[in-house]
């Protein structure tokens, strides 16, 4: 069978590899002139790394990663630890796969290196997707028409394919924006930071963890839109801009976190170039597929990153897609895509909602609500070794083959 995958981000690359693993011929179409992945850190829980092992890529990816021993939740004002959960060897033993911290570019490069160059069409803009009962096709800006038995639209949060399939539907600003930076490890060695730290405060939270074998500290500092402006003004529009390359004004991140624990401020002050981007999501859909065309990854279920599951869910989509199409013939494609969506939609939609709720919980104001949250988190950690969401890490999506 022949497939066309639109978009060479993490989801698109994983889908390409998964479909090739299932024995199909795949053409990967990407509008960029070369493979590139910007951004900074990414967390991969065992539900994703287990699937990367099946693709034969885990060793190469893990060689570029950091392996945190634990995650520590802390209060914003003085850094007091609310609770901690085990990761590292304990998590790998319990869930059969590691918890990894990576630079996005390292993950993207490992996935891209596994795709044969002959299967890739770079610098190719898709301007239309069509289908009939027998096949589907992708039309490019230069007039080429790529015919296939199925089309996978992994074209990201601003997916054009999603609008072609389901009508006008724009990405939604989440009400949060993030500052991000990467610092060399030796610049923060004196701060005694936890491997993975999440600091909770009113209207904000601060996350840091090591990437690239512990050589770099990845920093993500999240603020609510309400903390930046009171109305939909030009300033808020700037804060809401979804851009991995928009630079923060000098000192802006320090003003946003004024009064926080000195270690947070030290990290933010020592950061060189700081980038700012608005965090967007997509409204959940009742279905992702029509006929021979389906969505995958952020085009289907973009979510806020507050459970660190966006990339993992895309990798899981890709694995289930390949599994659903294993042994399929061209005539089987519509039913196979139905099975793929049935196996993935509810889980991904639930993760969207859980991620949004986590952000609300992280940003509670000082007072009774925050105190109750901290007490709840501490009590849970006293009885459980792993994070509450770790119950999902044990699920192997390739063992879930409901018809």
Protein backbone atom coordinates (compact mmCIF):
# COMPACT_ATOMS: atom_id res chain seq x y z
CA UNK A 1 0.00 0.00 0.00
CA UNK A 2 1.01 3.60 -0.55
CA UNK A 3 0.68 6.39 2.01
CA UNK A 4 1.45 10.09 1.99
CA UNK A 5 2.30 11.72 5.32
CA UNK A 6 2.03 15.53 5.40
CA UNK A 7 4.35 17.18 7.92
CA UNK A 8 7.77 16.10 9.18
CA UNK A 9 7.53 17.01 12.84
CA UNK A 10 7.80 14.39 15.55
CA UNK A 11 4.33 12.99 14.80
CA UNK A 12 4.83 12.88 11.04
CA UNK A 13 8.23 11.21 11.29
CA UNK A 14 6.93 8.66 13.78
CA UNK A 15 3.95 7.94 11.51
CA UNK A 16 6.25 7.46 8.53
CA UNK A 17 8.41 5.01 10.44
CA UNK A 18 5.44 3.15 11.86
CA UNK A 19 3.79 2.75 8.45
CA UNK A 20 7.09 1.59 6.93
CA UNK A 21 7.43 -0.88 9.80
CA UNK A 22 3.97 -2.18 8.83
CA UNK A 23 5.27 -2.82 5.32
CA UNK A 24 3.81 0.10 3.41
CA UNK A 25 5.39 2.52 0.94
CA UNK A 26 5.41 6.03 2.39
CA UNK A 27 6.11 9.46 0.95
CA UNK A 28 6.78 12.12 3.59
CA UNK A 29 6.01 15.66 2.44
CA UNK A 30 7.44 18.67 4.28
CA UNK A 31 7.26 22.35 3.39
CA UNK A 32 10.62 23.23 4.98
CA UNK A 33 13.69 23.06 2.75
CA UNK A 34 15.51 20.80 5.22
CA UNK A 35 14.79 18.77 8.30
CA UNK A 36 14.87 21.08 11.27
CA UNK A 37 13.39 21.15 14.75
CA UNK A 38 13.61 24.21 16.91
CA UNK A 39 12.40 24.53 20.45
CA UNK A 40 14.15 23.23 23.50
CA UNK A 41 13.41 20.46 25.99
CA UNK A 42 10.97 17.61 25.75
CA UNK A 43 9.99 14.90 28.23
CA UNK A 44 9.28 11.35 27.11
CA UNK A 45 7.52 9.08 29.59
CA UNK A 46 7.64 5.25 29.36
CA UNK A 47 4.42 5.12 27.32
CA UNK A 48 6.39 6.78 24.50
CA UNK A 49 9.88 5.34 24.98
CA UNK A 50 8.41 1.82 24.93
CA UNK A 51 7.20 2.49 21.37
CA UNK A 52 10.51 4.02 20.30
CA UNK A 53 12.18 0.79 21.39
CA UNK A 54 9.86 -1.15 19.08
CA UNK A 55 10.98 1.07 16.21
CA UNK A 56 14.60 0.29 17.05
CA UNK A 57 15.39 3.89 17.96
CA UNK A 58 15.46 3.96 21.75
CA UNK A 59 19.17 3.33 22.20
CA UNK A 60 20.14 6.18 19.84
CA UNK A 61 17.67 8.55 21.46
CA UNK A 62 18.58 7.58 25.03
CA UNK A 63 22.25 8.21 24.26
CA UNK A 64 21.42 11.90 23.80
CA UNK A 65 19.09 12.16 26.80
CA UNK A 66 19.24 12.81 30.52
CA UNK A 67 17.60 10.38 32.94
CA UNK A 68 16.15 12.16 35.98
CA UNK A 69 16.20 10.31 39.29
CA UNK A 70 13.09 12.10 40.53
CA UNK A 71 10.71 15.00 40.03
CA UNK A 72 10.42 17.59 42.80
CA UNK A 73 7.42 19.92 43.27
CA UNK A 74 8.25 23.11 45.15
CA UNK A 75 6.59 26.27 46.43
CA UNK A 76 7.25 29.47 44.56
CA UNK A 77 8.32 31.78 47.37
CA UNK A 78 10.94 29.79 49.26
CA UNK A 79 11.50 26.62 47.24
CA UNK A 80 10.23 24.35 50.02
CA UNK A 81 9.57 20.88 48.63
CA UNK A 82 5.89 19.97 48.49
CA UNK A 83 6.55 16.38 47.42
CA UNK A 84 8.72 14.28 45.14
CA UNK A 85 8.20 11.20 42.99
CA UNK A 86 10.65 8.62 41.73
CA UNK A 87 11.75 8.41 38.11
CA UNK A 88 15.09 6.96 36.95
CA UNK A 89 15.75 3.26 37.49
CA UNK A 90 12.65 2.82 39.65
CA UNK A 91 10.36 3.98 36.84
CA UNK A 92 12.18 1.94 34.21
CA UNK A 93 11.88 -1.20 36.32
CA UNK A 94 8.21 -0.57 37.04
CA UNK A 95 7.10 0.37 33.51
CA UNK A 96 9.61 -1.47 31.34
CA UNK A 97 10.93 1.65 29.61
CA UNK A 98 12.84 4.76 30.70
CA UNK A 99 11.72 8.32 31.43
CA UNK A 100 13.92 10.54 29.27
CA UNK A 101 14.62 14.27 29.05
CA UNK A 102 15.78 15.46 25.63
CA UNK A 103 16.41 18.42 23.43
CA UNK A 104 13.67 18.36 20.80
CA UNK A 105 16.26 18.62 18.05
CA UNK A 106 17.98 15.43 19.25
CA UNK A 107 14.71 13.47 19.15
CA UNK A 108 13.78 14.92 15.78
CA UNK A 109 17.21 14.13 14.32
CA UNK A 110 17.07 10.51 15.49
CA UNK A 111 13.63 10.03 13.92
CA UNK A 112 14.62 11.77 10.68
CA UNK A 113 17.81 9.73 10.32
CA UNK A 114 15.72 6.54 10.24
CA UNK A 115 13.65 7.69 7.23
CA UNK A 116 15.26 6.91 3.85
CA UNK A 117 15.95 10.13 1.89
CA UNK A 118 14.20 8.59 -1.12
CA UNK A 119 10.95 8.64 0.86
CA UNK A 120 11.09 12.38 1.61
CA UNK A 121 9.98 15.40 -0.41
CA UNK A 122 11.26 18.56 1.28
CA UNK A 123 10.45 22.12 0.22
CA UNK A 124 7.01 20.91 -0.85
CA UNK A 125 3.89 22.86 0.09
CA UNK A 126 0.59 20.99 0.10
CA UNK A 127 -2.31 23.02 -1.29
CA UNK A 128 -5.01 20.37 -1.39
CA UNK A 129 -6.06 16.89 -0.32
CA UNK A 130 -8.68 14.97 -2.30
CA UNK A 131 -10.08 11.47 -2.24
CA UNK A 132 -12.59 9.13 -3.81
CA UNK A 133 -13.65 5.56 -3.12
CA UNK A 134 -10.49 4.14 -4.64
CA UNK A 135 -7.66 6.45 -3.53
CA UNK A 136 -6.56 9.73 -1.99
CA UNK A 137 -4.25 12.38 -3.38
CA UNK A 138 -2.16 15.34 -2.26
CA UNK A 139 -1.70 18.33 -4.56
CA UNK A 140 1.45 20.41 -4.16
CA UNK A 141 2.05 24.08 -4.90
CA UNK A 142 4.05 23.23 -8.01
CA UNK A 143 1.14 21.24 -9.43
CA UNK A 144 2.25 17.70 -8.62
CA UNK A 145 -0.42 15.25 -7.58
CA UNK A 146 0.70 12.46 -5.28
CA UNK A 147 -1.73 9.57 -5.32
CA UNK A 148 -1.91 7.07 -2.49
CA UNK A 149 -4.21 4.71 -0.65
CA UNK A 150 -4.27 6.92 2.42
CA UNK A 151 -3.13 10.37 3.55
CA UNK A 152 -1.97 11.15 7.09
CA UNK A 153 -2.15 14.85 8.00
CA UNK A 154 0.48 15.49 10.69
CA UNK A 155 0.73 19.17 9.82
CA UNK A 156 0.76 20.49 13.37
CA UNK A 157 -1.30 22.79 15.51
CA UNK A 158 -2.02 25.17 12.60
CA UNK A 159 -3.19 22.24 10.47
CA UNK A 160 -4.63 23.27 7.14
CA UNK A 161 -5.72 19.69 6.49
CA UNK A 162 -7.94 19.82 9.56
CA UNK A 163 -9.85 22.72 8.02
CA UNK A 164 -10.12 20.94 4.69
CA UNK A 165 -11.64 17.94 6.46
CA UNK A 166 -13.83 19.56 9.09
CA UNK A 167 -14.29 23.21 8.16
CA UNK A 168 -13.14 26.47 9.71
CA UNK A 169 -11.43 25.75 13.00
CA UNK A 170 -8.58 27.80 14.42
CA UNK A 171 -6.05 27.10 17.16
CA UNK A 172 -7.18 28.47 20.52
CA UNK A 173 -4.95 30.58 22.77
CA UNK A 174 -4.76 28.79 26.13
CA UNK A 175 -4.43 31.93 28.22
CA UNK A 176 -0.84 31.03 29.06
CA UNK A 177 2.50 32.03 27.61
CA UNK A 178 5.93 30.57 28.26
CA UNK A 179 9.48 31.84 28.47
CA UNK A 180 12.11 29.29 27.52
CA UNK A 181 15.86 29.17 27.67
CA UNK A 182 18.80 26.77 27.67
CA UNK A 183 21.74 27.27 30.05
CA UNK A 184 25.06 25.39 30.11
CA UNK A 185 25.24 23.17 33.16
CA UNK A 186 28.32 24.87 34.58
CA UNK A 187 26.46 28.19 34.77
CA UNK A 188 23.98 26.81 37.31
CA UNK A 189 26.10 24.15 39.02
CA UNK A 190 26.14 26.12 42.28
CA UNK A 191 22.35 26.20 42.67
CA UNK A 192 21.81 22.55 43.72
CA UNK A 193 18.78 22.15 41.48
CA UNK A 194 16.75 18.92 41.39
CA UNK A 195 16.96 16.79 38.24
CA UNK A 196 13.43 17.82 37.31
CA UNK A 197 11.87 20.67 39.25
CA UNK A 198 8.37 22.14 39.04
CA UNK A 199 7.79 25.27 41.12
CA UNK A 200 4.14 26.27 41.68
CA UNK A 201 2.92 29.82 42.28
CA UNK A 202 0.01 32.22 41.80
CA UNK A 203 -0.71 32.50 38.08
CA UNK A 204 2.66 30.98 37.17
CA UNK A 205 4.83 27.91 37.31
CA UNK A 206 8.49 27.27 36.61
CA UNK A 207 9.95 24.05 35.20
CA UNK A 208 13.59 23.08 34.74
CA UNK A 209 15.36 19.87 33.80
CA UNK A 210 18.58 18.63 32.23
CA UNK A 211 18.82 17.71 28.55
CA UNK A 212 21.57 16.55 26.18
CA UNK A 213 23.17 14.12 28.65
CA UNK A 214 22.98 16.72 31.41
CA UNK A 215 25.04 19.30 29.55
CA UNK A 216 22.21 21.85 29.32
CA UNK A 217 19.47 23.04 31.66
CA UNK A 218 16.14 23.49 29.92
CA UNK A 219 13.96 26.18 31.47
CA UNK A 220 10.24 26.81 30.87
CA UNK A 221 8.59 29.62 32.84
CA UNK A 222 4.82 29.80 32.31
CA UNK A 223 2.58 32.78 33.08
CA UNK A 224 -1.14 33.28 32.68
CA UNK A 225 -2.40 35.83 30.19
CA UNK A 226 -4.24 37.60 33.00
CA UNK A 227 -0.88 38.15 34.68
CA UNK A 228 0.29 40.04 31.61
CA UNK A 229 -2.68 42.17 30.56
CA UNK A 230 -6.25 42.79 31.60
CA UNK A 231 -7.75 43.09 28.13
CA UNK A 232 -7.17 41.84 24.64
CA UNK A 233 -4.66 44.49 23.75
CA UNK A 234 -1.70 44.64 21.42
CA UNK A 235 0.53 43.60 24.32
CA UNK A 236 -1.56 40.50 24.95
CA UNK A 237 -1.60 39.66 21.29
CA UNK A 238 2.19 39.79 21.38
CA UNK A 239 2.27 37.55 24.44
CA UNK A 240 -0.12 35.13 22.75
CA UNK A 241 1.91 34.86 19.55
CA UNK A 242 2.72 31.24 18.79
CA UNK A 243 6.36 31.45 17.83
CA UNK A 244 9.41 29.42 18.79
CA UNK A 245 11.69 32.30 17.79
CA UNK A 246 10.06 35.38 19.36
CA UNK A 247 12.56 36.93 21.77
CA UNK A 248 11.57 38.24 25.17
CA UNK A 249 12.55 41.77 26.08
CA UNK A 250 15.68 41.97 28.29
CA UNK A 251 14.72 41.30 31.89
CA UNK A 252 11.08 40.57 31.04
CA UNK A 253 11.15 37.10 32.58
CA UNK A 254 12.61 38.49 35.81
CA UNK A 255 9.80 41.03 36.13
CA UNK A 256 7.23 38.27 35.64
CA UNK A 257 8.73 36.19 38.47
CA UNK A 258 9.56 38.99 40.88
CA UNK A 259 9.50 37.77 44.47
CA UNK A 260 10.09 34.12 43.63
CA UNK A 261 12.69 31.96 45.35
CA UNK A 262 16.24 33.15 44.71
CA UNK A 263 17.18 29.99 42.81
CA UNK A 264 14.42 30.62 40.26
CA UNK A 265 15.54 34.21 39.85
CA UNK A 266 19.19 33.16 39.59
CA UNK A 267 18.35 30.80 36.74
CA UNK A 268 16.29 33.42 34.93
CA UNK A 269 18.95 36.09 35.44
CA UNK A 270 21.74 33.85 34.14
CA UNK A 271 19.78 32.81 31.08
CA UNK A 272 21.19 34.37 27.96
CA UNK A 273 18.68 34.61 25.15
CA UNK A 274 15.14 34.02 26.39
CA UNK A 275 12.32 33.21 23.99
CA UNK A 276 8.61 33.75 24.57
CA UNK A 277 5.68 31.99 22.96
CA UNK A 278 1.96 31.75 23.44
CA UNK A 279 0.63 28.28 24.21
CA UNK A 280 -2.22 27.18 21.96
CA UNK A 281 -4.52 24.16 21.85
CA UNK A 282 -7.17 22.71 19.56
CA UNK A 283 -10.81 22.08 20.43
CA UNK A 284 -11.41 18.30 20.73
CA UNK A 285 -12.98 16.67 17.68
CA UNK A 286 -15.59 13.92 17.58
CA UNK A 287 -13.56 12.19 14.87
CA UNK A 288 -10.19 12.61 13.18
CA UNK A 289 -10.75 10.81 9.90
CA UNK A 290 -12.89 10.91 6.79
CA UNK A 291 -12.56 8.10 4.29
CA UNK A 292 -8.89 7.64 3.42
CA UNK A 293 -7.59 10.74 5.22
CA UNK A 294 -6.81 11.10 8.93
CA UNK A 295 -5.26 13.56 11.34
CA UNK A 296 -2.44 12.67 13.72
CA UNK A 297 -0.64 14.42 16.57
CA UNK A 298 -1.14 18.13 17.18
CA UNK A 299 -3.39 18.51 14.16
CA UNK A 300 -5.85 16.23 15.97
CA UNK A 301 -5.31 17.02 19.65
CA UNK A 302 -2.86 19.83 20.42
CA UNK A 303 -2.73 20.31 24.19
CA UNK A 304 -1.04 22.48 26.79
CA UNK A 305 2.25 20.89 27.92
CA UNK A 306 1.49 20.68 31.62
CA UNK A 307 1.49 16.86 31.74
CA UNK A 308 4.45 16.58 29.34
CA UNK A 309 2.49 14.32 27.02
CA UNK A 310 2.10 16.16 23.71
CA UNK A 311 4.91 14.38 21.86
CA UNK A 312 4.18 11.10 23.60
CA UNK A 313 0.57 11.16 22.42
CA UNK A 314 1.71 11.80 18.83
CA UNK A 315 4.11 8.85 19.02
CA UNK A 316 1.29 6.71 20.38
CA UNK A 317 -0.95 7.83 17.51
CA UNK A 318 1.73 6.76 15.04
CA UNK A 319 2.18 3.35 16.64
CA UNK A 320 -1.54 2.59 16.64
CA UNK A 321 -1.92 3.84 13.08
CA UNK A 322 0.76 1.46 11.85
CA UNK A 323 -0.73 -1.36 13.89
CA UNK A 324 -4.25 -0.75 12.54
CA UNK A 325 -2.92 -0.82 8.97
CA UNK A 326 -0.71 -3.89 9.33
CA UNK A 327 -1.86 -6.40 6.74
CA UNK A 328 -4.42 -3.96 5.33
CA UNK A 329 -5.21 -3.73 1.62
CA UNK A 330 -6.26 -0.52 -0.15
CA UNK A 331 -9.90 -1.49 0.24
CA UNK A 332 -9.45 -1.87 4.00
CA UNK A 333 -8.16 1.67 4.62
CA UNK A 334 -11.36 3.48 5.69
CA UNK A 335 -12.23 0.78 8.23
CA UNK A 336 -8.62 0.60 9.45
CA UNK A 337 -8.58 4.36 10.04
CA UNK A 338 -11.85 4.05 11.95
CA UNK A 339 -10.15 1.50 14.22
CA UNK A 340 -7.13 3.74 14.67
CA UNK A 341 -9.30 6.66 15.77
CA UNK A 342 -11.41 4.52 18.09
CA UNK A 343 -8.28 3.31 19.84
CA UNK A 344 -6.75 6.77 20.25
CA UNK A 345 -9.35 9.54 20.35
CA UNK A 346 -10.71 9.05 23.87
CA UNK A 347 -7.26 8.74 25.44
CA UNK A 348 -5.84 11.79 23.67
CA UNK A 349 -8.93 13.87 24.44
CA UNK A 350 -8.72 12.91 28.12
CA UNK A 351 -5.06 13.89 28.16
CA UNK A 352 -5.97 17.28 26.67
CA UNK A 353 -8.40 17.87 29.54
CA UNK A 354 -6.02 16.55 32.21
CA UNK A 355 -3.23 18.81 30.96
CA UNK A 356 -5.48 21.87 31.14
CA UNK A 357 -6.59 20.96 34.67
CA UNK A 358 -2.97 20.53 35.74
CA UNK A 359 -2.24 24.08 34.62
CA UNK A 360 -5.15 25.40 36.66
CA UNK A 361 -3.93 23.46 39.68
CA UNK A 362 -0.36 24.70 39.30
CA UNK A 363 -1.48 28.33 39.24
CA UNK A 364 -3.74 28.52 42.29
CA UNK A 365 -3.45 31.73 44.33
CA UNK A 366 -1.81 31.70 47.73
CA UNK A 367 -4.24 30.82 50.49
CA UNK A 368 -6.61 27.95 51.31
CA UNK A 369 -6.77 26.55 47.76
CA UNK A 370 -3.00 26.33 47.33
CA UNK A 371 -2.61 24.93 50.84
CA UNK A 372 -5.21 22.24 50.13
CA UNK A 373 -3.47 21.39 46.86
CA UNK A 374 -0.11 21.07 48.54
CA UNK A 375 -1.56 18.88 51.30
CA UNK A 376 -3.26 16.69 48.69
CA UNK A 377 -0.07 16.30 46.68
CA UNK A 378 1.99 15.51 49.78
CA UNK A 379 -0.51 12.90 50.97
CA UNK A 380 -0.55 11.22 47.57
CA UNK A 381 3.25 11.11 47.43
CA UNK A 382 3.38 9.54 50.90
CA UNK A 383 1.41 6.58 49.54
CA UNK A 384 2.62 6.34 45.94
CA UNK A 385 6.08 6.07 44.43
CA UNK A 386 5.14 7.58 41.06
CA UNK A 387 3.21 10.59 39.77
CA UNK A 388 -0.59 10.30 39.52
CA UNK A 389 -0.41 10.28 35.71
CA UNK A 390 2.01 7.36 35.83
CA UNK A 391 -0.96 5.00 35.76
CA UNK A 392 -1.06 5.75 32.04
CA UNK A 393 2.61 4.90 31.54
CA UNK A 394 1.91 1.20 31.99
CA UNK A 395 -0.59 1.10 29.14
CA UNK A 396 0.81 -0.48 25.99
CA UNK A 397 -1.29 0.85 23.12
CA UNK A 398 -0.22 -2.03 20.89
CA UNK A 399 -1.83 -4.48 23.29
CA UNK A 400 -5.14 -2.64 22.90
CA UNK A 401 -6.55 -3.99 19.66
CA UNK A 402 -10.26 -3.45 20.01
CA UNK A 403 -12.11 -3.77 16.71
